[in-house]
Amino acid sequence: MRTDYLRLPIDADRGFPQAFRLAFNGNTYVVALYVTVTDEAVLAGAEPLELPRDGAYLVLDVSEQDGVRTRPIFRRKLVPDLEYEADDLALVFTRMSVHPLNLNGSGAFGSTVVGGVAARWAS
């Protein structure tokens, strides 16, 4: 796996869903992250959820903006340490731990989501 990733500005304390604009390699992207819960029993715990797990997973949605329109380029369930390709972006997530209180809520509850972005091709 490549090692030239720049860390994405994810602030897990802001909660999920969350989105931010990313200016990278001359393009502008909208990056959105949200947690899907299919088993509400996983929300009963007092500790952060290590994702993915049975009953819950983190989804990444990336769109490219060109000033006139927004074009969806990527939407996937995330798996740790797997490199994803979205147009000219390479993306990887190394840590995905989200506390149930950070689902639709903000605060310092021990959530940590670490992801990186790199160019797929040398410029």
PDB file of N, CA and C in Angstrom:
ATOM      1  N   MET A   1       0.853  -1.172   0.000  1.00  0.00           N
ATOM      2  CA  MET A   1       0.000   0.000   0.000  1.00  0.00           C
ATOM      3  C   MET A   1       0.898   1.234   0.000  1.00  0.00           C
ATOM      4  N   ARG A   2       0.441   2.277  -0.674  1.00  0.00           N
ATOM      5  CA  ARG A   2       1.212   3.523  -0.750  1.00  0.00           C
ATOM      6  C   ARG A   2       1.317   4.179   0.619  1.00  0.00           C
ATOM      7  N   THR A   3       2.280   5.073   0.748  1.00  0.00           N
ATOM      8  CA  THR A   3       2.516   5.721   2.041  1.00  0.00           C
ATOM      9  C   THR A   3       2.422   7.236   1.968  1.00  0.00           C
ATOM     10  N   ASP A   4       2.065   7.782   0.812  1.00  0.00           N
ATOM     11  CA  ASP A   4       2.061   9.235   0.634  1.00  0.00           C
ATOM     12  C   ASP A   4       0.682   9.865   0.864  1.00  0.00           C
ATOM     13  N   TYR A   5      -0.104   9.286   1.742  1.00  0.00           N
ATOM     14  CA  TYR A   5      -1.444   9.807   2.016  1.00  0.00           C
ATOM     15  C   TYR A   5      -1.387  11.071   2.868  1.00  0.00           C
ATOM     16  N   LEU A   6      -2.256  12.014   2.545  1.00  0.00           N
ATOM     17  CA  LEU A   6      -2.476  13.187   3.389  1.00  0.00           C
ATOM     18  C   LEU A   6      -3.701  12.898   4.244  1.00  0.00           C
ATOM     19  N   ARG A   7      -3.638  13.245   5.503  1.00  0.00           N
ATOM     20  CA  ARG A   7      -4.745  12.946   6.415  1.00  0.00           C
ATOM     21  C   ARG A   7      -5.972  13.796   6.084  1.00  0.00           C
ATOM     22  N   LEU A   8      -7.118  13.149   6.023  1.00  0.00           N
ATOM     23  CA  LEU A   8      -8.381  13.848   5.796  1.00  0.00           C
ATOM     24  C   LEU A   8      -8.792  14.586   7.071  1.00  0.00           C
ATOM     25  N   PRO A   9      -9.440  15.753   6.934  1.00  0.00           N
ATOM     26  CA  PRO A   9      -9.812  16.558   8.110  1.00  0.00           C
ATOM     27  C   PRO A   9     -11.104  16.073   8.776  1.00  0.00           C
ATOM     28  N   ILE A  10     -11.092  14.842   9.224  1.00  0.00           N
ATOM     29  CA  ILE A  10     -12.258  14.255   9.887  1.00  0.00           C
ATOM     30  C   ILE A  10     -12.170  14.575  11.377  1.00  0.00           C
ATOM     31  N   ASP A  11     -13.236  15.132  11.927  1.00  0.00           N
ATOM     32  CA  ASP A  11     -13.308  15.426  13.358  1.00  0.00           C
ATOM     33  C   ASP A  11     -14.430  14.573  13.943  1.00  0.00           C
ATOM     34  N   ALA A  12     -14.070  13.406  14.458  1.00  0.00           N
ATOM     35  CA  ALA A  12     -15.073  12.460  14.952  1.00  0.00           C
ATOM     36  C   ALA A  12     -15.892  13.034  16.102  1.00  0.00           C
ATOM     37  N   ASP A  13     -15.338  13.995  16.838  1.00  0.00           N
ATOM     38  CA  ASP A  13     -16.099  14.616  17.930  1.00  0.00           C
ATOM     39  C   ASP A  13     -17.280  15.441  17.416  1.00  0.00           C
ATOM     40  N   ARG A  14     -17.248  15.824  16.133  1.00  0.00           N
ATOM     41  CA  ARG A  14     -18.387  16.542  15.538  1.00  0.00           C
ATOM     42  C   ARG A  14     -19.566  15.613  15.311  1.00  0.00           C
ATOM     43  N   GLY A  15     -19.320  14.326  15.356  1.00  0.00           N
ATOM     44  CA  GLY A  15     -20.380  13.350  15.166  1.00  0.00           C
ATOM     45  C   GLY A  15     -20.569  12.968  13.709  1.00  0.00           C
ATOM     46  N   PHE A  16     -21.480  12.026  13.517  1.00  0.00           N
ATOM     47  CA  PHE A  16     -21.785  11.513  12.183  1.00  0.00           C
ATOM     48  C   PHE A  16     -23.287  11.491  12.015  1.00  0.00           C
ATOM     49  N   PRO A  17     -23.781  11.903  10.858  1.00  0.00           N
ATOM     50  CA  PRO A  17     -23.037  12.180   9.623  1.00  0.00           C
ATOM     51  C   PRO A  17     -22.258  13.488   9.701  1.00  0.00           C
ATOM     52  N   GLN A  18     -21.214  13.558   8.865  1.00  0.00           N
ATOM     53  CA  GLN A  18     -20.476  14.804   8.708  1.00  0.00           C
ATOM     54  C   GLN A  18     -19.962  14.887   7.281  1.00  0.00           C
ATOM     55  N   ALA A  19     -19.744  16.120   6.836  1.00  0.00           N
ATOM     56  CA  ALA A  19     -19.254  16.352   5.476  1.00  0.00           C
ATOM     57  C   ALA A  19     -18.320  17.551   5.489  1.00  0.00           C
ATOM     58  N   PHE A  20     -17.409  17.572   4.523  1.00  0.00           N
ATOM     59  CA  PHE A  20     -16.487  18.696   4.375  1.00  0.00           C
ATOM     60  C   PHE A  20     -16.062  18.798   2.920  1.00  0.00           C
ATOM     61  N   ARG A  21     -15.631  19.994   2.532  1.00  0.00           N
ATOM     62  CA  ARG A  21     -15.072  20.202   1.196  1.00  0.00           C
ATOM     63  C   ARG A  21     -13.586  19.913   1.257  1.00  0.00           C
ATOM     64  N   LEU A  22     -13.080  19.323   0.192  1.00  0.00           N
ATOM     65  CA  LEU A  22     -11.669  18.982   0.093  1.00  0.00           C
ATOM     66  C   LEU A  22     -11.135  19.518  -1.226  1.00  0.00           C
ATOM     67  N   ALA A  23     -10.168  20.429  -1.154  1.00  0.00           N
ATOM     68  CA  ALA A  23      -9.470  20.908  -2.352  1.00  0.00           C
ATOM     69  C   ALA A  23      -8.216  20.060  -2.485  1.00  0.00           C
ATOM     70  N   PHE A  24      -8.113  19.336  -3.604  1.00  0.00           N
ATOM     71  CA  PHE A  24      -6.995  18.412  -3.779  1.00  0.00           C
ATOM     72  C   PHE A  24      -6.655  18.294  -5.255  1.00  0.00           C
ATOM     73  N   ASN A  25      -5.392  18.490  -5.586  1.00  0.00           N
ATOM     74  CA  ASN A  25      -4.903  18.340  -6.964  1.00  0.00           C
ATOM     75  C   ASN A  25      -5.700  19.172  -7.968  1.00  0.00           C
ATOM     76  N   GLY A  26      -6.074  20.383  -7.583  1.00  0.00           N
ATOM     77  CA  GLY A  26      -6.770  21.275  -8.499  1.00  0.00           C
ATOM     78  C   GLY A  26      -8.258  21.029  -8.630  1.00  0.00           C
ATOM     79  N   ASN A  27      -8.798  20.092  -7.880  1.00  0.00           N
ATOM     80  CA  ASN A  27     -10.228  19.797  -7.910  1.00  0.00           C
ATOM     81  C   ASN A  27     -10.829  20.032  -6.531  1.00  0.00           C
ATOM     82  N   THR A  28     -12.152  20.191  -6.500  1.00  0.00           N
ATOM     83  CA  THR A  28     -12.866  20.341  -5.236  1.00  0.00           C
ATOM     84  C   THR A  28     -13.835  19.178  -5.088  1.00  0.00           C
ATOM     85  N   TYR A  29     -13.799  18.572  -3.918  1.00  0.00           N
ATOM     86  CA  TYR A  29     -14.641  17.418  -3.622  1.00  0.00           C
ATOM     87  C   TYR A  29     -15.471  17.701  -2.374  1.00  0.00           C
ATOM     88  N   VAL A  30     -16.626  17.068  -2.300  1.00  0.00           N
ATOM     89  CA  VAL A  30     -17.406  17.039  -1.070  1.00  0.00           C
ATOM     90  C   VAL A  30     -17.294  15.611  -0.545  1.00  0.00           C
ATOM     91  N   VAL A  31     -16.772  15.492   0.663  1.00  0.00           N
ATOM     92  CA  VAL A  31     -16.569  14.190   1.296  1.00  0.00           C
ATOM     93  C   VAL A  31     -17.575  14.072   2.435  1.00  0.00           C
ATOM     94  N   ALA A  32     -18.361  13.018   2.424  1.00  0.00           N
ATOM     95  CA  ALA A  32     -19.362  12.798   3.467  1.00  0.00           C
ATOM     96  C   ALA A  32     -19.162  11.415   4.077  1.00  0.00           C
ATOM     97  N   LEU A  33     -19.321  11.342   5.379  1.00  0.00           N
ATOM     98  CA  LEU A  33     -19.204  10.085   6.116  1.00  0.00           C
ATOM     99  C   LEU A  33     -20.445   9.909   6.977  1.00  0.00           C
ATOM    100  N   TYR A  34     -20.991   8.703   6.973  1.00  0.00           N
ATOM    101  CA  TYR A  34     -22.118   8.416   7.854  1.00  0.00           C
ATOM    102  C   TYR A  34     -22.076   6.957   8.280  1.00  0.00           C
ATOM    103  N   VAL A  35     -22.682   6.697   9.417  1.00  0.00           N
ATOM    104  CA  VAL A  35     -22.734   5.345   9.966  1.00  0.00           C
ATOM    105  C   VAL A  35     -24.124   4.783   9.716  1.00  0.00           C
ATOM    106  N   THR A  36     -24.173   3.583   9.176  1.00  0.00           N
ATOM    107  CA  THR A  36     -25.435   2.868   9.010  1.00  0.00           C
ATOM    108  C   THR A  36     -25.505   1.796  10.092  1.00  0.00           C
ATOM    109  N   VAL A  37     -26.604   1.787  10.825  1.00  0.00           N
ATOM    110  CA  VAL A  37     -26.826   0.796  11.877  1.00  0.00           C
ATOM    111  C   VAL A  37     -28.001  -0.069  11.455  1.00  0.00           C
ATOM    112  N   THR A  38     -27.751  -1.378  11.330  1.00  0.00           N
ATOM    113  CA  THR A  38     -28.811  -2.310  10.943  1.00  0.00           C
ATOM    114  C   THR A  38     -29.318  -3.124  12.130  1.00  0.00           C
ATOM    115  N   ASP A  39     -28.625  -3.022  13.259  1.00  0.00           N
ATOM    116  CA  ASP A  39     -29.024  -3.724  14.478  1.00  0.00           C
ATOM    117  C   ASP A  39     -28.906  -2.749  15.646  1.00  0.00           C
ATOM    118  N   GLU A  40     -30.034  -2.235  16.108  1.00  0.00           N
ATOM    119  CA  GLU A  40     -30.017  -1.215  17.161  1.00  0.00           C
ATOM    120  C   GLU A  40     -29.434  -1.715  18.476  1.00  0.00           C
ATOM    121  N   ALA A  41     -29.302  -3.015  18.652  1.00  0.00           N
ATOM    122  CA  ALA A  41     -28.717  -3.551  19.881  1.00  0.00           C
ATOM    123  C   ALA A  41     -27.259  -3.114  20.041  1.00  0.00           C
ATOM    124  N   VAL A  42     -26.569  -2.833  18.934  1.00  0.00           N
ATOM    125  CA  VAL A  42     -25.160  -2.408  19.035  1.00  0.00           C
ATOM    126  C   VAL A  42     -25.043  -1.021  19.667  1.00  0.00           C
ATOM    127  N   LEU A  43     -26.132  -0.275  19.723  1.00  0.00           N
ATOM    128  CA  LEU A  43     -26.100   1.074  20.284  1.00  0.00           C
ATOM    129  C   LEU A  43     -26.191   1.089  21.807  1.00  0.00           C
ATOM    130  N   ALA A  44     -26.439  -0.054  22.416  1.00  0.00           N
ATOM    131  CA  ALA A  44     -26.633  -0.121  23.865  1.00  0.00           C
ATOM    132  C   ALA A  44     -25.327  -0.044  24.645  1.00  0.00           C
ATOM    133  N   GLY A  45     -24.198  -0.286  23.987  1.00  0.00           N
ATOM    134  CA  GLY A  45     -22.917  -0.296  24.688  1.00  0.00           C
ATOM    135  C   GLY A  45     -22.429   1.091  25.061  1.00  0.00           C
ATOM    136  N   ALA A  46     -21.504   1.127  26.013  1.00  0.00           N
ATOM    137  CA  ALA A  46     -20.942   2.396  26.487  1.00  0.00           C
ATOM    138  C   ALA A  46     -19.586   2.690  25.860  1.00  0.00           C
ATOM    139  N   GLU A  47     -19.134   1.837  24.956  1.00  0.00           N
ATOM    140  CA  GLU A  47     -17.827   1.996  24.316  1.00  0.00           C
ATOM    141  C   GLU A  47     -18.007   2.309  22.833  1.00  0.00           C
ATOM    142  N   PRO A  48     -16.997   2.927  22.210  1.00  0.00           N
ATOM    143  CA  PRO A  48     -17.057   3.158  20.764  1.00  0.00           C
ATOM    144  C   PRO A  48     -17.185   1.843  19.992  1.00  0.00           C
ATOM    145  N   LEU A  49     -17.874   1.905  18.875  1.00  0.00           N
ATOM    146  CA  LEU A  49     -18.049   0.747  17.998  1.00  0.00           C
ATOM    147  C   LEU A  49     -16.882   0.684  17.025  1.00  0.00           C
ATOM    148  N   GLU A  50     -16.179  -0.440  16.996  1.00  0.00           N
ATOM    149  CA  GLU A  50     -15.134  -0.645  16.000  1.00  0.00           C
ATOM    150  C   GLU A  50     -15.836  -1.052  14.707  1.00  0.00           C
ATOM    151  N   LEU A  51     -15.677  -0.243  13.678  1.00  0.00           N
ATOM    152  CA  LEU A  51     -16.395  -0.468  12.423  1.00  0.00           C
ATOM    153  C   LEU A  51     -15.457  -0.980  11.345  1.00  0.00           C
ATOM    154  N   PRO A  52     -15.953  -1.815  10.439  1.00  0.00           N
ATOM    155  CA  PRO A  52     -17.303  -2.381  10.402  1.00  0.00           C
ATOM    156  C   PRO A  52     -17.433  -3.510  11.422  1.00  0.00           C
ATOM    157  N   ARG A  53     -18.660  -3.809  11.753  1.00  0.00           N
ATOM    158  CA  ARG A  53     -18.977  -4.905  12.663  1.00  0.00           C
ATOM    159  C   ARG A  53     -20.378  -5.382  12.323  1.00  0.00           C
ATOM    160  N   ASP A  54     -20.756  -6.511  12.864  1.00  0.00           N
ATOM    161  CA  ASP A  54     -22.120  -6.975  12.643  1.00  0.00           C
ATOM    162  C   ASP A  54     -23.076  -5.907  13.140  1.00  0.00           C
ATOM    163  N   GLY A  55     -23.949  -5.452  12.283  1.00  0.00           N
ATOM    164  CA  GLY A  55     -24.969  -4.493  12.667  1.00  0.00           C
ATOM    165  C   GLY A  55     -24.625  -3.036  12.479  1.00  0.00           C
ATOM    166  N   ALA A  56     -23.390  -2.710  12.038  1.00  0.00           N
ATOM    167  CA  ALA A  56     -23.033  -1.296  11.843  1.00  0.00           C
ATOM    168  C   ALA A  56     -21.806  -1.173  10.939  1.00  0.00           C
ATOM    169  N   TYR A  57     -21.805  -0.124  10.114  1.00  0.00           N
ATOM    170  CA  TYR A  57     -20.653   0.131   9.245  1.00  0.00           C
ATOM    171  C   TYR A  57     -20.611   1.610   8.873  1.00  0.00           C
ATOM    172  N   LEU A  58     -19.424   2.050   8.456  1.00  0.00           N
ATOM    173  CA  LEU A  58     -19.199   3.435   8.040  1.00  0.00           C
ATOM    174  C   LEU A  58     -19.250   3.511   6.520  1.00  0.00           C
ATOM    175  N   VAL A  59     -19.913   4.537   6.000  1.00  0.00           N
ATOM    176  CA  VAL A  59     -20.040   4.738   4.557  1.00  0.00           C
ATOM    177  C   VAL A  59     -19.336   6.037   4.176  1.00  0.00           C
ATOM    178  N   LEU A  60     -18.600   5.986   3.067  1.00  0.00           N
ATOM    179  CA  LEU A  60     -17.949   7.165   2.497  1.00  0.00           C
ATOM    180  C   LEU A  60     -18.646   7.514   1.196  1.00  0.00           C
ATOM    181  N   ASP A  61     -18.975   8.795   1.043  1.00  0.00           N
ATOM    182  CA  ASP A  61     -19.603   9.314  -0.171  1.00  0.00           C
ATOM    183  C   ASP A  61     -18.755  10.493  -0.641  1.00  0.00           C
ATOM    184  N   VAL A  62     -18.271  10.436  -1.885  1.00  0.00           N
ATOM    185  CA  VAL A  62     -17.434  11.509  -2.433  1.00  0.00           C
ATOM    186  C   VAL A  62     -18.066  12.011  -3.728  1.00  0.00           C
ATOM    187  N   SER A  63     -18.179  13.335  -3.840  1.00  0.00           N
ATOM    188  CA  SER A  63     -18.664  13.980  -5.064  1.00  0.00           C
ATOM    189  C   SER A  63     -17.647  15.018  -5.493  1.00  0.00           C
ATOM    190  N   GLU A  64     -17.541  15.215  -6.799  1.00  0.00           N
ATOM    191  CA  GLU A  64     -16.652  16.247  -7.335  1.00  0.00           C
ATOM    192  C   GLU A  64     -17.488  17.463  -7.705  1.00  0.00           C
ATOM    193  N   GLN A  65     -17.010  18.660  -7.341  1.00  0.00           N
ATOM    194  CA  GLN A  65     -17.691  19.911  -7.678  1.00  0.00           C
ATOM    195  C   GLN A  65     -16.856  20.662  -8.701  1.00  0.00           C
ATOM    196  N   ASP A  66     -17.540  21.223  -9.703  1.00  0.00           N
ATOM    197  CA  ASP A  66     -16.807  22.010 -10.703  1.00  0.00           C
ATOM    198  C   ASP A  66     -17.325  23.440 -10.809  1.00  0.00           C
ATOM    199  N   GLY A  67     -18.061  23.909  -9.822  1.00  0.00           N
ATOM    200  CA  GLY A  67     -18.598  25.266  -9.842  1.00  0.00           C
ATOM    201  C   GLY A  67     -20.007  25.331 -10.381  1.00  0.00           C
ATOM    202  N   VAL A  68     -20.359  24.440 -11.283  1.00  0.00           N
ATOM    203  CA  VAL A  68     -21.689  24.416 -11.882  1.00  0.00           C
ATOM    204  C   VAL A  68     -22.506  23.235 -11.362  1.00  0.00           C
ATOM    205  N   ARG A  69     -21.839  22.120 -11.190  1.00  0.00           N
ATOM    206  CA  ARG A  69     -22.565  20.908 -10.800  1.00  0.00           C
ATOM    207  C   ARG A  69     -21.743  20.095  -9.802  1.00  0.00           C
ATOM    208  N   THR A  70     -22.423  19.157  -9.185  1.00  0.00           N
ATOM    209  CA  THR A  70     -21.784  18.193  -8.296  1.00  0.00           C
ATOM    210  C   THR A  70     -22.006  16.816  -8.899  1.00  0.00           C
ATOM    211  N   ARG A  71     -20.913  16.071  -9.064  1.00  0.00           N
ATOM    212  CA  ARG A  71     -20.980  14.752  -9.701  1.00  0.00           C
ATOM    213  C   ARG A  71     -20.540  13.679  -8.705  1.00  0.00           C
ATOM    214  N   PRO A  72     -21.445  12.770  -8.338  1.00  0.00           N
ATOM    215  CA  PRO A  72     -21.057  11.682  -7.433  1.00  0.00           C
ATOM    216  C   PRO A  72     -20.000  10.797  -8.096  1.00  0.00           C
ATOM    217  N   ILE A  73     -18.943  10.484  -7.351  1.00  0.00           N
ATOM    218  CA  ILE A  73     -17.898   9.622  -7.917  1.00  0.00           C
ATOM    219  C   ILE A  73     -17.638   8.376  -7.078  1.00  0.00           C
ATOM    220  N   PHE A  74     -18.161   8.328  -5.850  1.00  0.00           N
ATOM    221  CA  PHE A  74     -17.827   7.188  -4.995  1.00  0.00           C
ATOM    222  C   PHE A  74     -18.816   7.088  -3.839  1.00  0.00           C
ATOM    223  N   ARG A  75     -19.275   5.863  -3.548  1.00  0.00           N
ATOM    224  CA  ARG A  75     -20.053   5.580  -2.337  1.00  0.00           C
ATOM    225  C   ARG A  75     -19.818   4.113  -1.984  1.00  0.00           C
ATOM    226  N   ARG A  76     -19.247   3.881  -0.794  1.00  0.00           N
ATOM    227  CA  ARG A  76     -18.931   2.513  -0.386  1.00  0.00           C
ATOM    228  C   ARG A  76     -18.987   2.366   1.130  1.00  0.00           C
ATOM    229  N   LYS A  77     -19.279   1.136   1.565  1.00  0.00           N
ATOM    230  CA  LYS A  77     -19.022   0.741   2.950  1.00  0.00           C
ATOM    231  C   LYS A  77     -17.509   0.653   3.080  1.00  0.00           C
ATOM    232  N   LEU A  78     -16.976   1.089   4.204  1.00  0.00           N
ATOM    233  CA  LEU A  78     -15.528   1.109   4.369  1.00  0.00           C
ATOM    234  C   LEU A  78     -15.024  -0.083   5.172  1.00  0.00           C
ATOM    235  N   VAL A  79     -13.859  -0.565   4.747  1.00  0.00           N
ATOM    236  CA  VAL A  79     -13.132  -1.633   5.424  1.00  0.00           C
ATOM    237  C   VAL A  79     -11.764  -1.066   5.778  1.00  0.00           C
ATOM    238  N   PRO A  80     -11.272  -1.290   6.987  1.00  0.00           N
ATOM    239  CA  PRO A  80      -9.975  -0.718   7.362  1.00  0.00           C
ATOM    240  C   PRO A  80      -8.836  -1.212   6.468  1.00  0.00           C
ATOM    241  N   ASP A  81      -7.918  -0.294   6.177  1.00  0.00           N
ATOM    242  CA  ASP A  81      -6.664  -0.581   5.475  1.00  0.00           C
ATOM    243  C   ASP A  81      -6.829  -1.058   4.032  1.00  0.00           C
ATOM    244  N   LEU A  82      -7.995  -0.878   3.454  1.00  0.00           N
ATOM    245  CA  LEU A  82      -8.219  -1.207   2.051  1.00  0.00           C
ATOM    246  C   LEU A  82      -8.155   0.082   1.244  1.00  0.00           C
ATOM    247  N   GLU A  83      -7.335   0.088   0.196  1.00  0.00           N
ATOM    248  CA  GLU A  83      -7.235   1.293  -0.631  1.00  0.00           C
ATOM    249  C   GLU A  83      -8.390   1.318  -1.629  1.00  0.00           C
ATOM    250  N   TYR A  84      -9.068   2.461  -1.680  1.00  0.00           N
ATOM    251  CA  TYR A  84     -10.176   2.666  -2.605  1.00  0.00           C
ATOM    252  C   TYR A  84      -9.751   3.658  -3.670  1.00  0.00           C
ATOM    253  N   GLU A  85     -10.271   3.491  -4.883  1.00  0.00           N
ATOM    254  CA  GLU A  85      -9.994   4.411  -5.985  1.00  0.00           C
ATOM    255  C   GLU A  85     -11.284   5.101  -6.392  1.00  0.00           C
ATOM    256  N   ALA A  86     -11.226   6.432  -6.461  1.00  0.00           N
ATOM    257  CA  ALA A  86     -12.375   7.242  -6.868  1.00  0.00           C
ATOM    258  C   ALA A  86     -11.864   8.287  -7.844  1.00  0.00           C
ATOM    259  N   ASP A  87     -12.112   8.083  -9.129  1.00  0.00           N
ATOM    260  CA  ASP A  87     -11.546   8.948 -10.169  1.00  0.00           C
ATOM    261  C   ASP A  87     -10.039   9.054  -9.963  1.00  0.00           C
ATOM    262  N   ASP A  88      -9.525  10.268  -9.724  1.00  0.00           N
ATOM    263  CA  ASP A  88      -8.071  10.409  -9.574  1.00  0.00           C
ATOM    264  C   ASP A  88      -7.620  10.386  -8.116  1.00  0.00           C
ATOM    265  N   LEU A  89      -8.501   9.963  -7.210  1.00  0.00           N
ATOM    266  CA  LEU A  89      -8.168   9.887  -5.789  1.00  0.00           C
ATOM    267  C   LEU A  89      -7.894   8.451  -5.356  1.00  0.00           C
ATOM    268  N   ALA A  90      -6.951   8.302  -4.455  1.00  0.00           N
ATOM    269  CA  ALA A  90      -6.759   7.055  -3.717  1.00  0.00           C
ATOM    270  C   ALA A  90      -7.113   7.378  -2.267  1.00  0.00           C
ATOM    271  N   LEU A  91      -7.913   6.527  -1.651  1.00  0.00           N
ATOM    272  CA  LEU A  91      -8.398   6.773  -0.287  1.00  0.00           C
ATOM    273  C   LEU A  91      -8.165   5.540   0.568  1.00  0.00           C
ATOM    274  N   VAL A  92      -7.818   5.758   1.821  1.00  0.00           N
ATOM    275  CA  VAL A  92      -7.653   4.648   2.756  1.00  0.00           C
ATOM    276  C   VAL A  92      -8.097   5.108   4.140  1.00  0.00           C
ATOM    277  N   PHE A  93      -8.664   4.183   4.893  1.00  0.00           N
ATOM    278  CA  PHE A  93      -9.098   4.458   6.261  1.00  0.00           C
ATOM    279  C   PHE A  93      -8.451   3.421   7.165  1.00  0.00           C
ATOM    280  N   THR A  94      -7.712   3.906   8.162  1.00  0.00           N
ATOM    281  CA  THR A  94      -6.958   3.003   9.028  1.00  0.00           C
ATOM    282  C   THR A  94      -7.612   2.789  10.388  1.00  0.00           C
ATOM    283  N   ARG A  95      -8.493   3.674  10.773  1.00  0.00           N
ATOM    284  CA  ARG A  95      -9.156   3.563  12.083  1.00  0.00           C
ATOM    285  C   ARG A  95     -10.580   4.087  11.953  1.00  0.00           C
ATOM    286  N   MET A  96     -11.541   3.265  12.406  1.00  0.00           N
ATOM    287  CA  MET A  96     -12.949   3.647  12.339  1.00  0.00           C
ATOM    288  C   MET A  96     -13.634   3.171  13.615  1.00  0.00           C
ATOM    289  N   SER A  97     -13.683   4.045  14.582  1.00  0.00           N
ATOM    290  CA  SER A  97     -14.269   3.746  15.879  1.00  0.00           C
ATOM    291  C   SER A  97     -15.217   4.893  16.234  1.00  0.00           C
ATOM    292  N   VAL A  98     -16.503   4.595  16.331  1.00  0.00           N
ATOM    293  CA  VAL A  98     -17.507   5.643  16.555  1.00  0.00           C
ATOM    294  C   VAL A  98     -18.380   5.271  17.752  1.00  0.00           C
ATOM    295  N   HIS A  99     -18.428   6.177  18.720  1.00  0.00           N
ATOM    296  CA  HIS A  99     -19.266   5.966  19.903  1.00  0.00           C
ATOM    297  C   HIS A  99     -20.730   6.197  19.519  1.00  0.00           C
ATOM    298  N   PRO A 100     -21.644   5.389  20.057  1.00  0.00           N
ATOM    299  CA  PRO A 100     -23.067   5.594  19.754  1.00  0.00           C
ATOM    300  C   PRO A 100     -23.557   7.020  20.024  1.00  0.00           C
ATOM    301  N   LEU A 101     -22.976   7.711  21.007  1.00  0.00           N
ATOM    302  CA  LEU A 101     -23.396   9.085  21.289  1.00  0.00           C
ATOM    303  C   LEU A 101     -22.955  10.068  20.209  1.00  0.00           C
ATOM    304  N   ASN A 102     -22.023   9.650  19.340  1.00  0.00           N
ATOM    305  CA  ASN A 102     -21.610  10.497  18.220  1.00  0.00           C
ATOM    306  C   ASN A 102     -22.432  10.243  16.960  1.00  0.00           C
ATOM    307  N   LEU A 103     -23.460   9.416  17.060  1.00  0.00           N
ATOM    308  CA  LEU A 103     -24.386   9.235  15.941  1.00  0.00           C
ATOM    309  C   LEU A 103     -25.465  10.297  16.087  1.00  0.00           C
ATOM    310  N   ASN A 104     -25.457  11.248  15.184  1.00  0.00           N
ATOM    311  CA  ASN A 104     -26.366  12.398  15.229  1.00  0.00           C
ATOM    312  C   ASN A 104     -26.156  13.251  16.476  1.00  0.00           C
ATOM    313  N   GLY A 105     -24.940  13.239  17.013  1.00  0.00           N
ATOM    314  CA  GLY A 105     -24.630  14.055  18.180  1.00  0.00           C
ATOM    315  C   GLY A 105     -23.140  14.338  18.248  1.00  0.00           C
ATOM    316  N   SER A 106     -22.780  15.470  18.818  1.00  0.00           N
ATOM    317  CA  SER A 106     -21.366  15.821  18.930  1.00  0.00           C
ATOM    318  C   SER A 106     -20.915  15.725  20.378  1.00  0.00           C
ATOM    319  N   GLY A 107     -19.597  15.632  20.554  1.00  0.00           N
ATOM    320  CA  GLY A 107     -19.011  15.563  21.885  1.00  0.00           C
ATOM    321  C   GLY A 107     -17.809  14.646  21.886  1.00  0.00           C
ATOM    322  N   ALA A 108     -17.002  14.745  22.926  1.00  0.00           N
ATOM    323  CA  ALA A 108     -15.788  13.935  23.053  1.00  0.00           C
ATOM    324  C   ALA A 108     -16.125  12.641  23.790  1.00  0.00           C
ATOM    325  N   PHE A 109     -16.443  11.604  23.019  1.00  0.00           N
ATOM    326  CA  PHE A 109     -16.830  10.317  23.591  1.00  0.00           C
ATOM    327  C   PHE A 109     -15.863   9.202  23.214  1.00  0.00           C
ATOM    328  N   GLY A 110     -14.725   9.554  22.635  1.00  0.00           N
ATOM    329  CA  GLY A 110     -13.727   8.550  22.275  1.00  0.00           C
ATOM    330  C   GLY A 110     -13.803   8.058  20.842  1.00  0.00           C
ATOM    331  N   SER A 111     -14.600   8.696  20.009  1.00  0.00           N
ATOM    332  CA  SER A 111     -14.666   8.309  18.595  1.00  0.00           C
ATOM    333  C   SER A 111     -13.393   8.730  17.873  1.00  0.00           C
ATOM    334  N   THR A 112     -12.941   7.883  16.954  1.00  0.00           N
ATOM    335  CA  THR A 112     -11.762   8.177  16.147  1.00  0.00           C
ATOM    336  C   THR A 112     -11.972   7.603  14.754  1.00  0.00           C
ATOM    337  N   VAL A 113     -11.894   8.461  13.747  1.00  0.00           N
ATOM    338  CA  VAL A 113     -11.922   8.006  12.357  1.00  0.00           C
ATOM    339  C   VAL A 113     -10.731   8.649  11.668  1.00  0.00           C
ATOM    340  N   VAL A 114      -9.846   7.813  11.136  1.00  0.00           N
ATOM    341  CA  VAL A 114      -8.632   8.296  10.483  1.00  0.00           C
ATOM    342  C   VAL A 114      -8.638   7.808   9.045  1.00  0.00           C
ATOM    343  N   GLY A 115      -8.553   8.759   8.116  1.00  0.00           N
ATOM    344  CA  GLY A 115      -8.518   8.428   6.698  1.00  0.00           C
ATOM    345  C   GLY A 115      -7.519   9.305   5.985  1.00  0.00           C
ATOM    346  N   GLY A 116      -7.075   8.830   4.824  1.00  0.00           N
ATOM    347  CA  GLY A 116      -6.113   9.590   4.046  1.00  0.00           C
ATOM    348  C   GLY A 116      -6.468   9.618   2.578  1.00  0.00           C
ATOM    349  N   VAL A 117      -5.901  10.616   1.873  1.00  0.00           N
ATOM    350  CA  VAL A 117      -6.124  10.783   0.443  1.00  0.00           C
ATOM    351  C   VAL A 117      -4.779  10.975  -0.241  1.00  0.00           C
ATOM    352  N   ALA A 118      -4.667  10.437  -1.445  1.00  0.00           N
ATOM    353  CA  ALA A 118      -3.472  10.614  -2.269  1.00  0.00           C
ATOM    354  C   ALA A 118      -3.914  10.641  -3.724  1.00  0.00           C
ATOM    355  N   ALA A 119      -3.040  11.123  -4.590  1.00  0.00           N
ATOM    356  CA  ALA A 119      -3.320  11.092  -6.024  1.00  0.00           C
ATOM    357  C   ALA A 119      -3.091   9.670  -6.528  1.00  0.00           C
ATOM    358  N   ARG A 120      -3.977   9.202  -7.397  1.00  0.00           N
ATOM    359  CA  ARG A 120      -3.809   7.860  -7.955  1.00  0.00           C
ATOM    360  C   ARG A 120      -2.627   7.787  -8.897  1.00  0.00           C
ATOM    361  N   TRP A 121      -2.355   8.884  -9.587  1.00  0.00           N
ATOM    362  CA  TRP A 121      -1.260   8.909 -10.549  1.00  0.00           C
ATOM    363  C   TRP A 121      -0.318  10.043 -10.210  1.00  0.00           C
ATOM    364  N   ALA A 122       0.941   9.856 -10.536  1.00  0.00           N
ATOM    365  CA  ALA A 122       1.918  10.934 -10.325  1.00  0.00           C
ATOM    366  C   ALA A 122       1.584  12.087 -11.255  1.00  0.00           C
ATOM    367  N   SER A 123       1.739  13.308 -10.745  1.00  0.00           N
ATOM    368  CA  SER A 123       1.416  14.476 -11.574  1.00  0.00           C
ATOM    369  C   SER A 123       2.656  15.044 -12.207  1.00  0.00           C
TER     370      SER A 123
END
